[in-house]
Amino acid sequence: MIDPTVFSHEWDLLCARFNRKPLKELMARYYDILSPQMSTGEFRAAAVCVLNSAEFFPRPLDFSLAIRPDPAISALDQWELCERVMQGEHGILERMTEEGRRVVALLGGPVRLGMTSLDSVPFVRKEFLARYREVTSEQFEAISGPEVTPESRRIVGEVMHANNLYP
């Protein structure tokens, strides 16, 4: 729920920026649409973004897009970072979103991804993008893997050591 005082203040700034007469009815309609969708802080951030980048007076959708970018674009951005992780740049994980890091973990983690052959990269990309969609659509709980126990870690470590799979 957006604080009405903050909303009114940002609305006045937007109207001044776009040389529009601040109509109370239109402001009330925008408030009714946007208030259930975002917090006061999110609205303020969206308003600043729209104020700085919009060419025309913003639609309600423009506020939502300002704080929640298109998941398809985010997925591709995260895939580019994942490719760098696959090349051994594990520090890049810090630049990834929480969702991107979750998908990397679901795909076996940075070490496992680093073992991907060039022929397999298109398949890993497809899997990454599919998993990213699942994670960002709040279906992560349904696809979480089994619990990792100390015993399972020991077994995986023994198998990897026996097959010389450590980098």
N, C-alpha and C. Protein backbone atom coordinates (compact mmCIF):
# COMPACT_ATOMS: atom_id res chain seq x y z
N MET A 1 0.84 -1.18 0.00
CA MET A 1 0.00 0.00 0.00
C MET A 1 0.89 1.25 0.00
N ILE A 2 0.61 2.15 -0.87
CA ILE A 2 1.41 3.37 -1.01
C ILE A 2 0.85 4.45 -0.08
N ASP A 3 1.73 5.13 0.62
CA ASP A 3 1.33 6.24 1.47
C ASP A 3 0.72 7.32 0.57
N PRO A 4 -0.54 7.73 0.84
CA PRO A 4 -1.21 8.73 -0.03
C PRO A 4 -0.47 10.06 -0.12
N THR A 5 0.20 10.48 0.96
CA THR A 5 0.93 11.75 0.93
C THR A 5 2.11 11.67 -0.03
N VAL A 6 2.85 10.55 0.03
CA VAL A 6 3.99 10.35 -0.88
C VAL A 6 3.49 10.27 -2.31
N PHE A 7 2.39 9.54 -2.52
CA PHE A 7 1.84 9.40 -3.86
C PHE A 7 1.47 10.77 -4.43
N SER A 8 0.78 11.57 -3.64
CA SER A 8 0.36 12.91 -4.08
C SER A 8 1.56 13.78 -4.43
N HIS A 9 2.60 13.73 -3.60
CA HIS A 9 3.80 14.52 -3.86
C HIS A 9 4.47 14.10 -5.18
N GLU A 10 4.66 12.79 -5.36
CA GLU A 10 5.29 12.30 -6.60
C GLU A 10 4.40 12.60 -7.80
N TRP A 11 3.09 12.51 -7.63
CA TRP A 11 2.16 12.81 -8.72
C TRP A 11 2.32 14.26 -9.16
N ASP A 12 2.42 15.17 -8.20
CA ASP A 12 2.59 16.59 -8.54
C ASP A 12 3.90 16.81 -9.30
N LEU A 13 4.97 16.12 -8.88
CA LEU A 13 6.24 16.24 -9.59
C LEU A 13 6.14 15.73 -11.02
N LEU A 14 5.46 14.61 -11.20
CA LEU A 14 5.28 14.05 -12.55
C LEU A 14 4.46 14.99 -13.42
N CYS A 15 3.40 15.54 -12.86
CA CYS A 15 2.57 16.48 -13.63
C CYS A 15 3.38 17.71 -14.03
N ALA A 16 4.20 18.22 -13.14
CA ALA A 16 5.04 19.38 -13.46
C ALA A 16 6.05 19.00 -14.54
N ARG A 17 6.68 17.84 -14.42
CA ARG A 17 7.68 17.39 -15.39
C ARG A 17 7.10 17.27 -16.79
N PHE A 18 5.85 16.75 -16.88
CA PHE A 18 5.24 16.52 -18.18
C PHE A 18 4.25 17.61 -18.58
N ASN A 19 4.28 18.71 -17.83
CA ASN A 19 3.44 19.86 -18.14
C ASN A 19 1.97 19.49 -18.26
N ARG A 20 1.49 18.75 -17.27
CA ARG A 20 0.09 18.29 -17.23
C ARG A 20 -0.61 18.92 -16.05
N LYS A 21 -1.88 19.18 -16.21
CA LYS A 21 -2.70 19.68 -15.11
C LYS A 21 -2.99 18.52 -14.17
N PRO A 22 -2.68 18.65 -12.86
CA PRO A 22 -2.90 17.54 -11.94
C PRO A 22 -4.39 17.32 -11.65
N LEU A 23 -5.00 16.38 -12.34
CA LEU A 23 -6.41 16.07 -12.14
C LEU A 23 -6.57 15.09 -10.98
N LYS A 24 -7.41 15.46 -10.01
CA LYS A 24 -7.62 14.61 -8.83
C LYS A 24 -8.21 13.25 -9.20
N GLU A 25 -9.11 13.23 -10.19
CA GLU A 25 -9.75 11.98 -10.58
C GLU A 25 -8.73 11.00 -11.19
N LEU A 26 -7.85 11.54 -12.03
CA LEU A 26 -6.83 10.69 -12.64
C LEU A 26 -5.83 10.21 -11.59
N MET A 27 -5.47 11.09 -10.67
CA MET A 27 -4.56 10.70 -9.60
C MET A 27 -5.19 9.58 -8.76
N ALA A 28 -6.48 9.69 -8.46
CA ALA A 28 -7.18 8.66 -7.68
C ALA A 28 -7.19 7.33 -8.43
N ARG A 29 -7.39 7.38 -9.73
CA ARG A 29 -7.42 6.15 -10.53
C ARG A 29 -6.05 5.47 -10.52
N TYR A 30 -5.00 6.25 -10.74
CA TYR A 30 -3.64 5.70 -10.70
C TYR A 30 -3.35 5.10 -9.32
N TYR A 31 -3.77 5.82 -8.27
CA TYR A 31 -3.53 5.31 -6.91
C TYR A 31 -4.25 3.98 -6.70
N ASP A 32 -5.50 3.89 -7.16
CA ASP A 32 -6.26 2.64 -7.02
C ASP A 32 -5.60 1.48 -7.75
N ILE A 33 -4.98 1.75 -8.88
CA ILE A 33 -4.32 0.71 -9.67
C ILE A 33 -2.97 0.32 -9.05
N LEU A 34 -2.18 1.32 -8.67
CA LEU A 34 -0.80 1.06 -8.24
C LEU A 34 -0.65 0.68 -6.77
N SER A 35 -1.49 1.20 -5.91
CA SER A 35 -1.31 0.98 -4.49
C SER A 35 -1.32 -0.49 -4.07
N PRO A 36 -2.21 -1.33 -4.62
CA PRO A 36 -2.14 -2.75 -4.22
C PRO A 36 -0.90 -3.48 -4.77
N GLN A 37 -0.25 -2.90 -5.77
CA GLN A 37 0.86 -3.58 -6.44
C GLN A 37 2.22 -3.31 -5.82
N MET A 38 2.38 -2.22 -5.08
CA MET A 38 3.72 -1.86 -4.60
C MET A 38 3.68 -1.11 -3.29
N SER A 39 4.82 -1.11 -2.62
CA SER A 39 4.97 -0.38 -1.36
C SER A 39 5.28 1.09 -1.66
N THR A 40 5.31 1.89 -0.61
CA THR A 40 5.64 3.30 -0.77
C THR A 40 7.06 3.47 -1.34
N GLY A 41 8.00 2.70 -0.81
CA GLY A 41 9.38 2.79 -1.30
C GLY A 41 9.50 2.38 -2.76
N GLU A 42 8.80 1.32 -3.13
CA GLU A 42 8.83 0.87 -4.52
C GLU A 42 8.22 1.93 -5.44
N PHE A 43 7.12 2.53 -5.00
CA PHE A 43 6.49 3.56 -5.83
C PHE A 43 7.42 4.76 -5.99
N ARG A 44 8.05 5.17 -4.90
CA ARG A 44 8.96 6.32 -4.98
C ARG A 44 10.10 6.02 -5.96
N ALA A 45 10.66 4.82 -5.88
CA ALA A 45 11.75 4.43 -6.81
C ALA A 45 11.24 4.41 -8.25
N ALA A 46 10.04 3.88 -8.45
CA ALA A 46 9.46 3.83 -9.80
C ALA A 46 9.20 5.24 -10.32
N ALA A 47 8.70 6.11 -9.46
CA ALA A 47 8.41 7.48 -9.88
C ALA A 47 9.69 8.21 -10.28
N VAL A 48 10.76 8.01 -9.54
CA VAL A 48 12.05 8.63 -9.88
C VAL A 48 12.54 8.10 -11.22
N CYS A 49 12.43 6.80 -11.41
CA CYS A 49 12.86 6.19 -12.68
C CYS A 49 12.05 6.74 -13.85
N VAL A 50 10.74 6.79 -13.68
CA VAL A 50 9.86 7.29 -14.74
C VAL A 50 10.12 8.78 -14.99
N LEU A 51 10.32 9.53 -13.93
CA LEU A 51 10.59 10.96 -14.06
C LEU A 51 11.86 11.19 -14.88
N ASN A 52 12.86 10.34 -14.68
CA ASN A 52 14.13 10.49 -15.38
C ASN A 52 14.14 9.93 -16.79
N SER A 53 13.29 8.96 -17.08
CA SER A 53 13.45 8.27 -18.37
C SER A 53 12.26 8.32 -19.32
N ALA A 54 11.07 8.58 -18.81
CA ALA A 54 9.90 8.54 -19.68
C ALA A 54 9.87 9.73 -20.63
N GLU A 55 9.44 9.45 -21.85
CA GLU A 55 9.32 10.50 -22.85
C GLU A 55 7.94 11.16 -22.78
N PHE A 56 6.96 10.37 -22.38
CA PHE A 56 5.58 10.85 -22.30
C PHE A 56 5.04 10.55 -20.91
N PHE A 57 3.89 11.13 -20.58
CA PHE A 57 3.30 10.88 -19.26
C PHE A 57 3.10 9.38 -19.08
N PRO A 58 3.56 8.82 -17.96
CA PRO A 58 3.57 7.36 -17.80
C PRO A 58 2.20 6.74 -17.59
N ARG A 59 2.08 5.53 -18.12
CA ARG A 59 0.90 4.70 -17.84
C ARG A 59 1.14 4.01 -16.51
N PRO A 60 0.10 3.47 -15.86
CA PRO A 60 0.33 2.70 -14.63
C PRO A 60 1.32 1.56 -14.84
N LEU A 61 1.27 0.91 -15.98
CA LEU A 61 2.18 -0.19 -16.29
C LEU A 61 3.63 0.26 -16.27
N ASP A 62 3.92 1.49 -16.67
CA ASP A 62 5.28 2.00 -16.70
C ASP A 62 5.91 2.03 -15.31
N PHE A 63 5.08 2.28 -14.28
CA PHE A 63 5.61 2.27 -12.91
C PHE A 63 6.01 0.86 -12.51
N SER A 64 5.18 -0.11 -12.84
CA SER A 64 5.50 -1.51 -12.51
C SER A 64 6.74 -1.98 -13.24
N LEU A 65 6.85 -1.64 -14.52
CA LEU A 65 8.01 -2.06 -15.31
C LEU A 65 9.30 -1.40 -14.82
N ALA A 66 9.16 -0.21 -14.25
CA ALA A 66 10.34 0.50 -13.76
C ALA A 66 11.01 -0.23 -12.60
N ILE A 67 10.22 -0.91 -11.78
CA ILE A 67 10.81 -1.61 -10.63
C ILE A 67 10.87 -3.11 -10.81
N ARG A 68 10.11 -3.64 -11.77
CA ARG A 68 10.11 -5.08 -12.04
C ARG A 68 10.31 -5.28 -13.54
N PRO A 69 11.55 -5.33 -13.98
CA PRO A 69 11.81 -5.45 -15.41
C PRO A 69 11.28 -6.76 -15.98
N ASP A 70 11.15 -6.80 -17.27
CA ASP A 70 10.68 -7.97 -17.99
C ASP A 70 11.54 -9.18 -17.63
N PRO A 71 10.94 -10.26 -17.13
CA PRO A 71 11.72 -11.44 -16.72
C PRO A 71 12.54 -12.05 -17.86
N ALA A 72 12.06 -11.95 -19.09
CA ALA A 72 12.81 -12.52 -20.22
C ALA A 72 14.14 -11.78 -20.41
N ILE A 73 14.11 -10.47 -20.26
CA ILE A 73 15.33 -9.68 -20.39
C ILE A 73 16.26 -9.98 -19.22
N SER A 74 15.71 -10.06 -18.01
CA SER A 74 16.52 -10.38 -16.84
C SER A 74 17.17 -11.74 -16.99
N ALA A 75 16.43 -12.70 -17.52
CA ALA A 75 16.96 -14.05 -17.70
C ALA A 75 18.17 -14.04 -18.63
N LEU A 76 18.08 -13.28 -19.71
CA LEU A 76 19.20 -13.20 -20.65
C LEU A 76 20.41 -12.50 -20.03
N ASP A 77 20.15 -11.47 -19.23
CA ASP A 77 21.24 -10.79 -18.53
C ASP A 77 21.93 -11.75 -17.56
N GLN A 78 21.13 -12.52 -16.84
CA GLN A 78 21.68 -13.48 -15.88
C GLN A 78 22.43 -14.60 -16.60
N TRP A 79 21.93 -15.00 -17.78
CA TRP A 79 22.62 -16.05 -18.54
C TRP A 79 24.02 -15.58 -18.94
N GLU A 80 24.14 -14.31 -19.35
CA GLU A 80 25.46 -13.79 -19.71
C GLU A 80 26.43 -13.87 -18.54
N LEU A 81 25.94 -13.59 -17.34
CA LEU A 81 26.78 -13.71 -16.15
C LEU A 81 27.09 -15.18 -15.86
N CYS A 82 26.11 -16.05 -16.08
CA CYS A 82 26.32 -17.48 -15.87
C CYS A 82 27.41 -18.01 -16.80
N GLU A 83 27.43 -17.53 -18.03
CA GLU A 83 28.48 -17.96 -18.97
C GLU A 83 29.87 -17.62 -18.42
N ARG A 84 29.98 -16.47 -17.78
CA ARG A 84 31.26 -16.08 -17.21
C ARG A 84 31.61 -16.97 -16.02
N VAL A 85 30.60 -17.38 -15.27
CA VAL A 85 30.82 -18.33 -14.17
C VAL A 85 31.32 -19.65 -14.74
N MET A 86 30.73 -20.07 -15.85
CA MET A 86 31.14 -21.32 -16.50
C MET A 86 32.60 -21.25 -16.97
N GLN A 87 33.07 -20.05 -17.27
CA GLN A 87 34.45 -19.86 -17.72
C GLN A 87 35.42 -19.72 -16.55
N GLY A 88 34.91 -19.86 -15.33
CA GLY A 88 35.77 -19.83 -14.15
C GLY A 88 35.76 -18.56 -13.35
N GLU A 89 34.98 -17.57 -13.75
CA GLU A 89 34.91 -16.30 -13.02
C GLU A 89 33.87 -16.42 -11.90
N HIS A 90 34.19 -17.15 -10.84
CA HIS A 90 33.22 -17.41 -9.77
C HIS A 90 32.85 -16.15 -9.00
N GLY A 91 33.67 -15.12 -9.03
CA GLY A 91 33.35 -13.86 -8.37
C GLY A 91 32.14 -13.16 -8.98
N ILE A 92 31.80 -13.52 -10.20
CA ILE A 92 30.66 -12.93 -10.90
C ILE A 92 29.35 -13.28 -10.17
N LEU A 93 29.36 -14.37 -9.42
CA LEU A 93 28.15 -14.76 -8.68
C LEU A 93 27.64 -13.61 -7.81
N GLU A 94 28.54 -12.78 -7.31
CA GLU A 94 28.14 -11.64 -6.48
C GLU A 94 27.32 -10.63 -7.26
N ARG A 95 27.55 -10.55 -8.57
CA ARG A 95 26.81 -9.60 -9.41
C ARG A 95 25.46 -10.15 -9.86
N MET A 96 25.24 -11.45 -9.68
CA MET A 96 23.99 -12.06 -10.11
C MET A 96 22.89 -11.77 -9.09
N THR A 97 21.66 -11.82 -9.56
CA THR A 97 20.53 -11.68 -8.66
C THR A 97 20.40 -12.94 -7.83
N GLU A 98 19.59 -12.87 -6.80
CA GLU A 98 19.33 -14.05 -5.97
C GLU A 98 18.77 -15.18 -6.82
N GLU A 99 17.87 -14.84 -7.74
CA GLU A 99 17.28 -15.84 -8.61
C GLU A 99 18.34 -16.49 -9.51
N GLY A 100 19.24 -15.67 -10.05
CA GLY A 100 20.31 -16.20 -10.90
C GLY A 100 21.20 -17.15 -10.14
N ARG A 101 21.53 -16.80 -8.88
CA ARG A 101 22.36 -17.69 -8.07
C ARG A 101 21.62 -18.98 -7.74
N ARG A 102 20.32 -18.90 -7.53
CA ARG A 102 19.52 -20.11 -7.28
C ARG A 102 19.59 -21.05 -8.48
N VAL A 103 19.47 -20.48 -9.66
CA VAL A 103 19.49 -21.32 -10.87
C VAL A 103 20.87 -21.95 -11.04
N VAL A 104 21.91 -21.19 -10.79
CA VAL A 104 23.26 -21.76 -10.87
C VAL A 104 23.37 -22.94 -9.91
N ALA A 105 22.84 -22.79 -8.70
CA ALA A 105 22.86 -23.89 -7.74
C ALA A 105 22.04 -25.08 -8.24
N LEU A 106 20.88 -24.81 -8.82
CA LEU A 106 20.04 -25.89 -9.34
C LEU A 106 20.72 -26.66 -10.47
N LEU A 107 21.57 -25.97 -11.21
CA LEU A 107 22.27 -26.61 -12.33
C LEU A 107 23.58 -27.27 -11.89
N GLY A 108 23.83 -27.32 -10.60
CA GLY A 108 25.00 -28.03 -10.11
C GLY A 108 26.07 -27.16 -9.50
N GLY A 109 25.89 -25.85 -9.53
CA GLY A 109 26.88 -24.95 -8.94
C GLY A 109 27.97 -24.58 -9.93
N PRO A 110 28.81 -23.62 -9.54
CA PRO A 110 29.84 -23.11 -10.46
C PRO A 110 30.86 -24.15 -10.89
N VAL A 111 31.24 -25.05 -10.00
CA VAL A 111 32.24 -26.06 -10.37
C VAL A 111 31.67 -26.99 -11.43
N ARG A 112 30.46 -27.46 -11.22
CA ARG A 112 29.81 -28.37 -12.18
C ARG A 112 29.59 -27.65 -13.51
N LEU A 113 29.13 -26.41 -13.47
CA LEU A 113 28.93 -25.66 -14.72
C LEU A 113 30.24 -25.44 -15.45
N GLY A 114 31.33 -25.31 -14.70
CA GLY A 114 32.64 -25.12 -15.31
C GLY A 114 33.10 -26.34 -16.10
N MET A 115 32.49 -27.48 -15.87
CA MET A 115 32.85 -28.71 -16.58
C MET A 115 32.03 -28.91 -17.85
N THR A 116 31.20 -27.95 -18.19
CA THR A 116 30.33 -28.06 -19.36
C THR A 116 31.16 -27.99 -20.64
N SER A 117 30.93 -28.94 -21.53
CA SER A 117 31.64 -28.92 -22.82
C SER A 117 31.01 -27.87 -23.72
N LEU A 118 31.76 -27.43 -24.71
CA LEU A 118 31.24 -26.42 -25.65
C LEU A 118 29.99 -26.92 -26.37
N ASP A 119 29.94 -28.19 -26.67
CA ASP A 119 28.77 -28.74 -27.35
C ASP A 119 27.52 -28.69 -26.48
N SER A 120 27.71 -28.71 -25.17
CA SER A 120 26.57 -28.74 -24.25
C SER A 120 26.06 -27.36 -23.85
N VAL A 121 26.80 -26.31 -24.17
CA VAL A 121 26.42 -24.96 -23.74
C VAL A 121 25.00 -24.58 -24.20
N PRO A 122 24.59 -24.86 -25.45
CA PRO A 122 23.22 -24.50 -25.84
C PRO A 122 22.15 -25.21 -24.98
N PHE A 123 22.43 -26.43 -24.56
CA PHE A 123 21.47 -27.16 -23.73
C PHE A 123 21.43 -26.58 -22.31
N VAL A 124 22.60 -26.21 -21.80
CA VAL A 124 22.66 -25.59 -20.48
C VAL A 124 21.95 -24.24 -20.52
N ARG A 125 22.13 -23.49 -21.61
CA ARG A 125 21.46 -22.20 -21.76
C ARG A 125 19.95 -22.38 -21.72
N LYS A 126 19.45 -23.34 -22.47
CA LYS A 126 18.01 -23.61 -22.50
C LYS A 126 17.50 -23.97 -21.10
N GLU A 127 18.24 -24.82 -20.41
CA GLU A 127 17.85 -25.22 -19.06
C GLU A 127 17.92 -24.05 -18.10
N PHE A 128 18.96 -23.21 -18.21
CA PHE A 128 19.10 -22.03 -17.36
C PHE A 128 17.89 -21.11 -17.52
N LEU A 129 17.55 -20.81 -18.77
CA LEU A 129 16.43 -19.89 -19.02
C LEU A 129 15.11 -20.46 -18.53
N ALA A 130 14.91 -21.75 -18.70
CA ALA A 130 13.67 -22.39 -18.23
C ALA A 130 13.59 -22.35 -16.70
N ARG A 131 14.70 -22.70 -16.06
CA ARG A 131 14.72 -22.68 -14.59
C ARG A 131 14.56 -21.26 -14.05
N TYR A 132 15.16 -20.29 -14.74
CA TYR A 132 15.05 -18.90 -14.30
C TYR A 132 13.59 -18.45 -14.34
N ARG A 133 12.87 -18.84 -15.41
CA ARG A 133 11.44 -18.52 -15.49
C ARG A 133 10.69 -19.13 -14.32
N GLU A 134 11.00 -20.37 -14.00
CA GLU A 134 10.33 -21.03 -12.88
C GLU A 134 10.61 -20.32 -11.56
N VAL A 135 11.87 -19.98 -11.35
CA VAL A 135 12.25 -19.34 -10.10
C VAL A 135 11.60 -17.97 -9.97
N THR A 136 11.60 -17.19 -11.04
CA THR A 136 11.04 -15.84 -10.96
C THR A 136 9.52 -15.84 -10.93
N SER A 137 8.90 -16.93 -11.34
CA SER A 137 7.43 -16.98 -11.27
C SER A 137 6.98 -17.61 -9.96
N GLU A 138 7.85 -17.59 -8.97
CA GLU A 138 7.55 -18.04 -7.61
C GLU A 138 7.15 -19.51 -7.54
N GLN A 139 7.75 -20.32 -8.43
CA GLN A 139 7.53 -21.75 -8.38
C GLN A 139 8.74 -22.46 -7.81
N PHE A 140 9.66 -21.69 -7.21
CA PHE A 140 10.91 -22.29 -6.75
C PHE A 140 10.67 -23.37 -5.71
N GLU A 141 9.69 -23.18 -4.84
CA GLU A 141 9.44 -24.17 -3.80
C GLU A 141 9.12 -25.54 -4.41
N ALA A 142 8.42 -25.54 -5.55
CA ALA A 142 8.01 -26.79 -6.19
C ALA A 142 9.18 -27.51 -6.86
N ILE A 143 10.28 -26.80 -7.14
CA ILE A 143 11.38 -27.44 -7.85
C ILE A 143 12.64 -27.56 -7.01
N SER A 144 12.53 -27.28 -5.71
CA SER A 144 13.73 -27.36 -4.89
C SER A 144 14.18 -28.81 -4.79
N GLY A 145 15.47 -28.99 -4.73
CA GLY A 145 16.05 -30.33 -4.71
C GLY A 145 16.01 -30.95 -3.34
N PRO A 146 16.57 -32.14 -3.23
CA PRO A 146 16.57 -32.83 -1.95
C PRO A 146 17.54 -32.15 -0.98
N GLU A 147 17.35 -32.42 0.30
CA GLU A 147 18.22 -31.86 1.33
C GLU A 147 19.63 -32.42 1.17
N VAL A 148 20.62 -31.56 1.31
CA VAL A 148 22.01 -31.99 1.22
C VAL A 148 22.49 -32.29 2.64
N THR A 149 22.83 -33.53 2.88
CA THR A 149 23.29 -33.96 4.20
C THR A 149 24.81 -34.13 4.17
N PRO A 150 25.45 -34.16 5.34
CA PRO A 150 26.90 -34.41 5.37
C PRO A 150 27.26 -35.73 4.68
N GLU A 151 26.43 -36.75 4.83
CA GLU A 151 26.70 -38.04 4.21
C GLU A 151 26.67 -37.93 2.68
N SER A 152 25.66 -37.20 2.14
CA SER A 152 25.60 -37.06 0.69
C SER A 152 26.78 -36.24 0.17
N ARG A 153 27.23 -35.25 0.92
CA ARG A 153 28.41 -34.48 0.52
C ARG A 153 29.65 -35.37 0.46
N ARG A 154 29.79 -36.24 1.47
CA ARG A 154 30.93 -37.15 1.51
C ARG A 154 30.92 -38.07 0.30
N ILE A 155 29.75 -38.60 -0.05
CA ILE A 155 29.64 -39.53 -1.17
C ILE A 155 29.99 -38.81 -2.48
N VAL A 156 29.44 -37.62 -2.67
CA VAL A 156 29.74 -36.85 -3.88
C VAL A 156 31.22 -36.54 -3.96
N GLY A 157 31.82 -36.17 -2.82
CA GLY A 157 33.25 -35.88 -2.79
C GLY A 157 34.09 -37.09 -3.17
N GLU A 158 33.70 -38.25 -2.67
CA GLU A 158 34.44 -39.47 -3.00
C GLU A 158 34.33 -39.80 -4.49
N VAL A 159 33.14 -39.65 -5.04
CA VAL A 159 32.93 -39.94 -6.46
C VAL A 159 33.73 -38.97 -7.32
N MET A 160 33.68 -37.70 -6.97
CA MET A 160 34.41 -36.71 -7.76
C MET A 160 35.92 -36.95 -7.67
N HIS A 161 36.40 -37.29 -6.47
CA HIS A 161 37.83 -37.54 -6.29
C HIS A 161 38.26 -38.80 -7.06
N ALA A 162 37.44 -39.83 -6.99
CA ALA A 162 37.76 -41.09 -7.68
C ALA A 162 37.80 -40.92 -9.18
N ASN A 163 37.02 -39.97 -9.71
CA ASN A 163 36.95 -39.75 -11.17
C ASN A 163 37.75 -38.54 -11.61
N ASN A 164 38.59 -38.00 -10.72
CA ASN A 164 39.41 -36.81 -11.02
C ASN A 164 38.59 -35.67 -11.59
N LEU A 165 37.45 -35.35 -10.96
CA LEU A 165 36.57 -34.30 -11.45
C LEU A 165 36.79 -32.97 -10.77
N TYR A 166 37.71 -32.90 -9.81
CA TYR A 166 37.98 -31.62 -9.17
C TYR A 166 38.81 -30.75 -10.12
N PRO A 167 38.50 -29.43 -10.19
CA PRO A 167 39.25 -28.56 -11.09
C PRO A 167 40.69 -28.38 -10.66
